[in-house]
Amino acid sequence: MSAKHLVPILVLAAGAITAVYAMRHPAAEEALPAAEGEIPRIVIVAKREHAADQRH
């Protein structure tokens, strides 16, 4: 089998595999909410110190 015939066969096979895989898990009809209710937030409050600012 020459490369001239092998390339289209591989392209068709890859397309068929992709189509079958895409049909296994169809997308939801409506977008799902990322989170319900309040989103917890973490706030870290600390004094910033830089090594250049420290003078002994």
N, C-alpha and C. Protein backbone atom coordinates (compact mmCIF):
# COMPACT_ATOMS: atom_id res chain seq x y z
N MET A 1 0.85 -1.17 0.00
CA MET A 1 0.00 0.00 0.00
C MET A 1 0.90 1.24 0.00
N SER A 2 0.64 2.13 -0.90
CA SER A 2 1.48 3.31 -1.01
C SER A 2 1.02 4.40 -0.04
N ALA A 3 1.89 5.37 0.19
CA ALA A 3 1.58 6.48 1.09
C ALA A 3 0.40 7.28 0.56
N LYS A 4 0.21 7.28 -0.77
CA LYS A 4 -0.89 8.01 -1.38
C LYS A 4 -2.24 7.45 -0.92
N HIS A 5 -2.32 6.17 -0.66
CA HIS A 5 -3.56 5.55 -0.19
C HIS A 5 -3.63 5.50 1.35
N LEU A 6 -2.49 5.41 1.98
CA LEU A 6 -2.44 5.27 3.43
C LEU A 6 -2.88 6.55 4.15
N VAL A 7 -2.49 7.70 3.64
CA VAL A 7 -2.82 8.97 4.30
C VAL A 7 -4.34 9.20 4.36
N PRO A 8 -5.09 9.08 3.28
CA PRO A 8 -6.55 9.27 3.38
C PRO A 8 -7.21 8.25 4.30
N ILE A 9 -6.72 7.03 4.33
CA ILE A 9 -7.29 6.01 5.21
C ILE A 9 -7.07 6.40 6.67
N LEU A 10 -5.88 6.87 6.99
CA LEU A 10 -5.59 7.29 8.37
C LEU A 10 -6.42 8.51 8.77
N VAL A 11 -6.62 9.43 7.83
CA VAL A 11 -7.43 10.63 8.12
C VAL A 11 -8.88 10.22 8.39
N LEU A 12 -9.43 9.33 7.58
CA LEU A 12 -10.80 8.88 7.79
C LEU A 12 -10.94 8.11 9.10
N ALA A 13 -9.96 7.28 9.43
CA ALA A 13 -10.00 6.53 10.68
C ALA A 13 -9.94 7.47 11.88
N ALA A 14 -9.08 8.47 11.82
CA ALA A 14 -8.98 9.43 12.92
C ALA A 14 -10.28 10.22 13.07
N GLY A 15 -10.89 10.60 11.97
CA GLY A 15 -12.18 11.32 12.02
C GLY A 15 -13.28 10.45 12.61
N ALA A 16 -13.31 9.18 12.25
CA ALA A 16 -14.33 8.27 12.78
C ALA A 16 -14.15 8.07 14.28
N ILE A 17 -12.92 7.89 14.71
CA ILE A 17 -12.64 7.71 16.14
C ILE A 17 -13.04 8.96 16.92
N THR A 18 -12.73 10.12 16.37
CA THR A 18 -13.09 11.38 17.03
C THR A 18 -14.60 11.54 17.12
N ALA A 19 -15.32 11.20 16.07
CA ALA A 19 -16.78 11.32 16.08
C ALA A 19 -17.41 10.37 17.09
N VAL A 20 -16.91 9.15 17.18
CA VAL A 20 -17.45 8.19 18.15
C VAL A 20 -17.18 8.67 19.56
N TYR A 21 -16.00 9.16 19.83
CA TYR A 21 -15.66 9.65 21.17
C TYR A 21 -16.51 10.87 21.55
N ALA A 22 -16.75 11.76 20.59
CA ALA A 22 -17.54 12.96 20.87
C ALA A 22 -18.99 12.62 21.18
N MET A 23 -19.51 11.55 20.62
CA MET A 23 -20.89 11.17 20.85
C MET A 23 -21.09 10.45 22.19
N ARG A 24 -20.04 9.99 22.80
CA ARG A 24 -20.17 9.26 24.07
C ARG A 24 -20.59 10.19 25.20
N HIS A 25 -20.10 11.42 25.25
CA HIS A 25 -20.39 12.36 26.31
C HIS A 25 -20.92 13.66 25.70
N PRO A 26 -22.21 13.71 25.35
CA PRO A 26 -22.72 14.95 24.75
C PRO A 26 -22.72 16.09 25.77
N ALA A 27 -22.64 17.28 25.28
CA ALA A 27 -22.61 18.48 26.14
C ALA A 27 -23.98 18.69 26.78
N ALA A 28 -23.98 19.31 27.94
CA ALA A 28 -25.22 19.63 28.63
C ALA A 28 -26.01 20.66 27.83
N GLU A 29 -27.32 20.60 27.92
CA GLU A 29 -28.15 21.54 27.18
C GLU A 29 -28.01 22.96 27.72
N GLU A 30 -27.90 23.07 29.04
CA GLU A 30 -27.73 24.38 29.66
C GLU A 30 -26.42 24.39 30.43
N ALA A 31 -25.84 25.55 30.54
CA ALA A 31 -24.59 25.67 31.27
C ALA A 31 -24.86 25.42 32.74
N LEU A 32 -23.97 24.67 33.39
CA LEU A 32 -24.10 24.38 34.80
C LEU A 32 -23.46 25.50 35.62
N PRO A 33 -24.05 25.84 36.76
CA PRO A 33 -23.45 26.90 37.59
C PRO A 33 -22.13 26.42 38.18
N ALA A 34 -21.19 27.32 38.27
CA ALA A 34 -19.89 26.98 38.83
C ALA A 34 -19.99 26.74 40.32
N ALA A 35 -20.77 27.55 41.01
CA ALA A 35 -20.95 27.39 42.45
C ALA A 35 -22.28 28.02 42.84
N GLU A 36 -22.88 27.47 43.86
CA GLU A 36 -24.13 28.03 44.35
C GLU A 36 -23.87 28.65 45.71
N GLY A 37 -24.51 29.78 45.98
CA GLY A 37 -24.33 30.44 47.26
C GLY A 37 -23.08 31.30 47.24
N GLU A 38 -22.67 31.66 48.47
CA GLU A 38 -21.50 32.52 48.58
C GLU A 38 -20.21 31.74 48.32
N ILE A 39 -19.27 32.42 47.75
CA ILE A 39 -17.97 31.82 47.49
C ILE A 39 -17.04 32.20 48.64
N PRO A 40 -16.48 31.22 49.35
CA PRO A 40 -15.58 31.57 50.45
C PRO A 40 -14.32 32.25 49.93
N ARG A 41 -13.88 33.27 50.65
CA ARG A 41 -12.69 34.01 50.25
C ARG A 41 -11.68 33.97 51.39
N ILE A 42 -10.46 33.76 51.05
CA ILE A 42 -9.38 33.75 52.03
C ILE A 42 -8.58 35.03 51.86
N VAL A 43 -8.46 35.78 52.93
CA VAL A 43 -7.71 37.03 52.89
C VAL A 43 -6.54 36.91 53.85
N ILE A 44 -5.36 37.09 53.36
CA ILE A 44 -4.16 37.02 54.18
C ILE A 44 -3.67 38.45 54.40
N VAL A 45 -3.59 38.84 55.66
CA VAL A 45 -3.14 40.19 55.99
C VAL A 45 -1.82 40.04 56.75
N ALA A 46 -0.78 40.62 56.21
CA ALA A 46 0.53 40.53 56.86
C ALA A 46 1.33 41.77 56.52
N LYS A 47 2.22 42.13 57.42
CA LYS A 47 3.10 43.27 57.17
C LYS A 47 4.16 42.83 56.17
N ARG A 48 4.37 43.65 55.18
CA ARG A 48 5.37 43.33 54.17
C ARG A 48 6.74 43.82 54.62
N GLU A 49 7.66 42.94 54.58
CA GLU A 49 9.03 43.30 54.92
C GLU A 49 9.93 42.82 53.80
N HIS A 50 10.83 43.68 53.42
CA HIS A 50 11.77 43.33 52.37
C HIS A 50 13.17 43.29 52.95
N ALA A 51 13.98 42.42 52.45
CA ALA A 51 15.35 42.27 52.96
C ALA A 51 16.15 43.57 52.79
N ALA A 52 15.86 44.34 51.75
CA ALA A 52 16.60 45.58 51.52
C ALA A 52 16.22 46.65 52.55
N ASP A 53 15.02 46.57 53.13
CA ASP A 53 14.57 47.56 54.09
C ASP A 53 15.08 47.30 55.50
N GLN A 54 15.58 46.12 55.76
CA GLN A 54 16.04 45.77 57.11
C GLN A 54 17.46 46.31 57.33
N ARG A 55 17.59 47.21 58.28
CA ARG A 55 18.90 47.78 58.60
C ARG A 55 19.18 47.49 60.06
N HIS A 56 20.28 46.86 60.34
CA HIS A 56 20.62 46.50 61.73
C HIS A 56 21.65 47.43 62.27
